Amino acid sequence: TFLYSVDDEIDITRAAMEARPPGSRVEIWLCPENISYNPQELIIRAVELAREFGTRWHSHLAEDDTEQGLYRDQFGAGLVEWLNAEGLLEGGTFAHCIWLDDKDIELLGDTGAGIAHCPVSNQYLATGIMRLHDLRAANAVVGLGSDGSCCGNQDLILAMH
């Protein structure tokens, strides 16, 4: 159970974005924390709000080996497949993207979605190894990320090693 309804979440976020519009010293990018943890309606409306304000959005995606199967069992499509069917991949940046199949990789490459590779966090959590070479071969946009301080550290120099 969530503390706020989807309507409340969107209203609170809209107010924050209006207070710090694009071009401000501090801008707000929406972050529904993990695609598989949030109601689909919240993901859709968050992306619509990001697009309305002309900003990007980000989330965690396919971080562990159970997410894809559980999502497919519940909704009839994998995470990337659902995001693509809803037109939500473009303009998104996704952390981790470890547990992807060939079709997911193709879709991420075709749509220009950003991917934050978090090797230190992935090692610390033992969640798996990103198919970096396959993603690059598919022209996916991949950069380095650090996840959060609770998952190792935020040292990008360490991530480069």
C-alpha atoms as a PDB file:
ATOM      1  CA  THR A   1       0.000   0.000   0.000  1.00  0.00           C
ATOM      2  CA  PHE A   2       1.306   3.406  -0.950  1.00  0.00           C
ATOM      3  CA  LEU A   3       1.083   6.468   1.297  1.00  0.00           C
ATOM      4  CA  TYR A   4      -0.405   8.636  -1.456  1.00  0.00           C
ATOM      5  CA  SER A   5      -2.764   7.929  -4.315  1.00  0.00           C
ATOM      6  CA  VAL A   6      -1.510   8.251  -7.892  1.00  0.00           C
ATOM      7  CA  ASP A   7      -3.421  11.547  -8.196  1.00  0.00           C
ATOM      8  CA  ASP A   8      -1.756  12.861  -5.027  1.00  0.00           C
ATOM      9  CA  GLU A   9       1.715  11.772  -6.195  1.00  0.00           C
ATOM     10  CA  ILE A  10       1.258  13.551  -9.516  1.00  0.00           C
ATOM     11  CA  ASP A  11      -0.157  16.699  -7.863  1.00  0.00           C
ATOM     12  CA  ILE A  12       2.738  16.880  -5.372  1.00  0.00           C
ATOM     13  CA  THR A  13       5.280  16.341  -8.129  1.00  0.00           C
ATOM     14  CA  ARG A  14       3.633  18.907 -10.410  1.00  0.00           C
ATOM     15  CA  ALA A  15       3.823  21.517  -7.637  1.00  0.00           C
ATOM     16  CA  ALA A  16       7.527  20.783  -7.127  1.00  0.00           C
ATOM     17  CA  MET A  17       8.181  21.008 -10.873  1.00  0.00           C
ATOM     18  CA  GLU A  18       6.290  24.297 -11.137  1.00  0.00           C
ATOM     19  CA  ALA A  19       8.479  25.671  -8.333  1.00  0.00           C
ATOM     20  CA  ARG A  20      11.623  24.542 -10.188  1.00  0.00           C
ATOM     21  CA  PRO A  21      10.845  24.597 -13.925  1.00  0.00           C
ATOM     22  CA  PRO A  22      13.332  23.532 -16.614  1.00  0.00           C
ATOM     23  CA  GLY A  23      16.138  26.061 -16.772  1.00  0.00           C
ATOM     24  CA  SER A  24      16.148  26.612 -13.007  1.00  0.00           C
ATOM     25  CA  ARG A  25      19.348  26.139 -11.070  1.00  0.00           C
ATOM     26  CA  VAL A  26      17.804  22.922  -9.727  1.00  0.00           C
ATOM     27  CA  GLU A  27      15.498  21.016 -12.064  1.00  0.00           C
ATOM     28  CA  ILE A  28      13.345  18.052 -11.202  1.00  0.00           C
ATOM     29  CA  TRP A  29      13.407  14.813 -13.137  1.00  0.00           C
ATOM     30  CA  LEU A  30      10.682  12.399 -12.195  1.00  0.00           C
ATOM     31  CA  CYS A  31      11.773   9.090 -10.717  1.00  0.00           C
ATOM     32  CA  PRO A  32       9.207   6.397 -10.119  1.00  0.00           C
ATOM     33  CA  GLU A  33      11.819   4.381  -8.183  1.00  0.00           C
ATOM     34  CA  ASN A  34      11.438   1.065  -9.969  1.00  0.00           C
ATOM     35  CA  ILE A  35       9.175   0.146 -12.884  1.00  0.00           C
ATOM     36  CA  SER A  36       8.186  -3.154 -11.302  1.00  0.00           C
ATOM     37  CA  TYR A  37       7.327  -1.610  -7.892  1.00  0.00           C
ATOM     38  CA  ASN A  38       4.892   1.064  -9.048  1.00  0.00           C
ATOM     39  CA  PRO A  39       1.371   0.965 -10.477  1.00  0.00           C
ATOM     40  CA  GLN A  40       1.391   1.211 -14.266  1.00  0.00           C
ATOM     41  CA  GLU A  41      -0.862   4.270 -14.060  1.00  0.00           C
ATOM     42  CA  LEU A  42       1.772   6.088 -11.984  1.00  0.00           C
ATOM     43  CA  ILE A  43       4.519   5.302 -14.508  1.00  0.00           C
ATOM     44  CA  ILE A  44       2.371   6.479 -17.431  1.00  0.00           C
ATOM     45  CA  ARG A  45       1.297   9.691 -15.709  1.00  0.00           C
ATOM     46  CA  ALA A  46       4.816  10.451 -14.465  1.00  0.00           C
ATOM     47  CA  VAL A  47       6.178  10.172 -18.005  1.00  0.00           C
ATOM     48  CA  GLU A  48       3.349  12.366 -19.314  1.00  0.00           C
ATOM     49  CA  LEU A  49       4.230  14.964 -16.666  1.00  0.00           C
ATOM     50  CA  ALA A  50       7.934  14.852 -17.563  1.00  0.00           C
ATOM     51  CA  ARG A  51       7.062  15.350 -21.227  1.00  0.00           C
ATOM     52  CA  GLU A  52       4.686  18.201 -20.386  1.00  0.00           C
ATOM     53  CA  PHE A  53       7.551  20.002 -18.617  1.00  0.00           C
ATOM     54  CA  GLY A  54      10.091  19.090 -21.303  1.00  0.00           C
ATOM     55  CA  THR A  55      12.317  17.147 -18.952  1.00  0.00           C
ATOM     56  CA  ARG A  56      13.543  13.571 -18.754  1.00  0.00           C
ATOM     57  CA  TRP A  57      12.664  10.879 -16.257  1.00  0.00           C
ATOM     58  CA  HIS A  58      14.470   7.902 -14.778  1.00  0.00           C
ATOM     59  CA  SER A  59      13.861   4.649 -12.954  1.00  0.00           C
ATOM     60  CA  HIS A  60      15.427   1.320 -12.096  1.00  0.00           C
ATOM     61  CA  LEU A  61      14.761  -1.424 -14.634  1.00  0.00           C
ATOM     62  CA  ALA A  62      15.454  -5.170 -14.822  1.00  0.00           C
ATOM     63  CA  GLU A  63      17.830  -5.057 -11.868  1.00  0.00           C
ATOM     64  CA  ASP A  64      17.269  -8.547 -10.502  1.00  0.00           C
ATOM     65  CA  ASP A  65      16.490 -11.901 -12.035  1.00  0.00           C
ATOM     66  CA  THR A  66      12.886 -12.071 -10.775  1.00  0.00           C
ATOM     67  CA  GLU A  67      11.478  -8.750 -12.022  1.00  0.00           C
ATOM     68  CA  GLN A  68      10.895  -9.679 -15.656  1.00  0.00           C
ATOM     69  CA  GLY A  69       9.135 -12.971 -14.888  1.00  0.00           C
ATOM     70  CA  LEU A  70       6.933 -11.538 -12.162  1.00  0.00           C
ATOM     71  CA  TYR A  71       5.962  -8.594 -14.359  1.00  0.00           C
ATOM     72  CA  ARG A  72       5.224 -10.862 -17.315  1.00  0.00           C
ATOM     73  CA  ASP A  73       3.098 -13.146 -15.106  1.00  0.00           C
ATOM     74  CA  GLN A  74       1.105 -10.199 -13.749  1.00  0.00           C
ATOM     75  CA  PHE A  75       0.760  -8.040 -16.868  1.00  0.00           C
ATOM     76  CA  GLY A  76       1.400 -10.342 -19.834  1.00  0.00           C
ATOM     77  CA  ALA A  77       4.509  -8.475 -21.004  1.00  0.00           C
ATOM     78  CA  GLY A  78       8.062  -7.940 -19.815  1.00  0.00           C
ATOM     79  CA  LEU A  79       9.162  -4.581 -18.427  1.00  0.00           C
ATOM     80  CA  VAL A  80      10.807  -3.202 -21.572  1.00  0.00           C
ATOM     81  CA  GLU A  81       8.090  -4.661 -23.787  1.00  0.00           C
ATOM     82  CA  TRP A  82       5.381  -2.917 -21.734  1.00  0.00           C
ATOM     83  CA  LEU A  83       7.251   0.414 -21.642  1.00  0.00           C
ATOM     84  CA  ASN A  84       7.676   0.268 -25.410  1.00  0.00           C
ATOM     85  CA  ALA A  85       4.041  -0.659 -26.068  1.00  0.00           C
ATOM     86  CA  GLU A  86       2.980   2.372 -24.007  1.00  0.00           C
ATOM     87  CA  GLY A  87       5.436   4.655 -25.840  1.00  0.00           C
ATOM     88  CA  LEU A  88       7.389   5.333 -22.649  1.00  0.00           C
ATOM     89  CA  LEU A  89      10.957   4.316 -23.522  1.00  0.00           C
ATOM     90  CA  GLU A  90      11.934   7.519 -25.336  1.00  0.00           C
ATOM     91  CA  GLY A  91      13.178  10.166 -22.946  1.00  0.00           C
ATOM     92  CA  GLY A  92      13.713   7.685 -20.136  1.00  0.00           C
ATOM     93  CA  THR A  93      16.959   6.796 -18.399  1.00  0.00           C
ATOM     94  CA  PHE A  94      17.079   3.426 -16.724  1.00  0.00           C
ATOM     95  CA  ALA A  95      19.493   2.212 -14.070  1.00  0.00           C
ATOM     96  CA  HIS A  96      20.900  -1.323 -14.160  1.00  0.00           C
ATOM     97  CA  CYS A  97      19.178  -3.067 -17.119  1.00  0.00           C
ATOM     98  CA  ILE A  98      20.863  -6.354 -16.264  1.00  0.00           C
ATOM     99  CA  TRP A  99      18.194  -8.933 -16.989  1.00  0.00           C
ATOM    100  CA  LEU A 100      17.342  -8.140 -20.604  1.00  0.00           C
ATOM    101  CA  ASP A 101      16.628 -10.459 -23.496  1.00  0.00           C
ATOM    102  CA  ASP A 102      17.653  -9.802 -27.101  1.00  0.00           C
ATOM    103  CA  LYS A 103      14.350  -8.055 -27.927  1.00  0.00           C
ATOM    104  CA  ASP A 104      14.695  -5.749 -24.902  1.00  0.00           C
ATOM    105  CA  ILE A 105      18.187  -4.782 -26.021  1.00  0.00           C
ATOM    106  CA  GLU A 106      16.957  -4.080 -29.539  1.00  0.00           C
ATOM    107  CA  LEU A 107      14.104  -1.886 -28.242  1.00  0.00           C
ATOM    108  CA  LEU A 108      16.400   0.089 -25.938  1.00  0.00           C
ATOM    109  CA  GLY A 109      18.799   0.676 -28.823  1.00  0.00           C
ATOM    110  CA  ASP A 110      16.043   1.657 -31.258  1.00  0.00           C
ATOM    111  CA  THR A 111      14.338   4.174 -28.951  1.00  0.00           C
ATOM    112  CA  GLY A 112      17.406   6.007 -27.675  1.00  0.00           C
ATOM    113  CA  ALA A 113      16.495   5.392 -24.047  1.00  0.00           C
ATOM    114  CA  GLY A 114      19.386   6.087 -21.701  1.00  0.00           C
ATOM    115  CA  ILE A 115      20.914   3.375 -19.557  1.00  0.00           C
ATOM    116  CA  ALA A 116      22.939   3.978 -16.404  1.00  0.00           C
ATOM    117  CA  HIS A 117      25.369   1.090 -15.952  1.00  0.00           C
ATOM    118  CA  CYS A 118      26.022   0.738 -12.203  1.00  0.00           C
ATOM    119  CA  PRO A 119      28.807  -1.878 -12.031  1.00  0.00           C
ATOM    120  CA  VAL A 120      29.861  -1.274  -8.416  1.00  0.00           C
ATOM    121  CA  SER A 121      26.292  -1.483  -7.121  1.00  0.00           C
ATOM    122  CA  ASN A 122      25.553  -4.526  -9.264  1.00  0.00           C
ATOM    123  CA  GLN A 123      28.659  -6.240  -7.878  1.00  0.00           C
ATOM    124  CA  TYR A 124      27.867  -5.222  -4.293  1.00  0.00           C
ATOM    125  CA  LEU A 125      24.298  -6.538  -4.563  1.00  0.00           C
ATOM    126  CA  ALA A 126      25.337  -9.537  -6.703  1.00  0.00           C
ATOM    127  CA  THR A 127      22.430  -8.842  -9.060  1.00  0.00           C
ATOM    128  CA  GLY A 128      24.170  -9.828 -12.281  1.00  0.00           C
ATOM    129  CA  ILE A 129      26.267  -8.522 -15.135  1.00  0.00           C
ATOM    130  CA  MET A 130      24.936  -6.105 -17.742  1.00  0.00           C
ATOM    131  CA  ARG A 131      25.177  -7.211 -21.375  1.00  0.00           C
ATOM    132  CA  LEU A 132      27.157  -4.070 -22.146  1.00  0.00           C
ATOM    133  CA  HIS A 133      28.687  -5.256 -25.422  1.00  0.00           C
ATOM    134  CA  ASP A 134      25.276  -6.331 -26.745  1.00  0.00           C
ATOM    135  CA  LEU A 135      23.713  -3.016 -25.721  1.00  0.00           C
ATOM    136  CA  ARG A 136      26.497  -1.021 -27.399  1.00  0.00           C
ATOM    137  CA  ALA A 137      26.183  -3.177 -30.538  1.00  0.00           C
ATOM    138  CA  ALA A 138      22.463  -2.273 -30.589  1.00  0.00           C
ATOM    139  CA  ASN A 139      23.390   1.454 -30.424  1.00  0.00           C
ATOM    140  CA  ALA A 140      21.959   1.807 -26.931  1.00  0.00           C
ATOM    141  CA  VAL A 141      22.966   4.939 -25.038  1.00  0.00           C
ATOM    142  CA  VAL A 142      24.923   3.679 -22.017  1.00  0.00           C
ATOM    143  CA  GLY A 143      26.656   5.778 -19.367  1.00  0.00           C
ATOM    144  CA  LEU A 144      28.149   5.087 -15.959  1.00  0.00           C
ATOM    145  CA  GLY A 145      26.045   5.336 -12.843  1.00  0.00           C
ATOM    146  CA  SER A 146      26.597   4.841  -9.146  1.00  0.00           C
ATOM    147  CA  ASP A 147      23.131   3.867  -7.896  1.00  0.00           C
ATOM    148  CA  GLY A 148      22.853   5.111  -4.322  1.00  0.00           C
ATOM    149  CA  SER A 149      25.041   5.245  -1.257  1.00  0.00           C
ATOM    150  CA  CYS A 150      23.183   2.321   0.321  1.00  0.00           C
ATOM    151  CA  CYS A 151      24.362   0.053  -2.520  1.00  0.00           C
ATOM    152  CA  GLY A 152      28.122   0.440  -2.295  1.00  0.00           C
ATOM    153  CA  ASN A 153      29.165   4.025  -2.907  1.00  0.00           C
ATOM    154  CA  GLN A 154      28.817   6.857  -5.384  1.00  0.00           C
ATOM    155  CA  ASP A 155      32.419   6.942  -6.624  1.00  0.00           C
ATOM    156  CA  LEU A 156      32.319   7.166 -10.440  1.00  0.00           C
ATOM    157  CA  ILE A 157      36.114   6.733 -10.596  1.00  0.00           C
ATOM    158  CA  LEU A 158      35.649   3.312  -8.979  1.00  0.00           C
ATOM    159  CA  ALA A 159      32.861   2.549 -11.469  1.00  0.00           C
ATOM    160  CA  MET A 160      35.255   3.313 -14.340  1.00  0.00           C
ATOM    161  CA  HIS A 161      37.649   0.616 -13.168  1.00  0.00           C
END
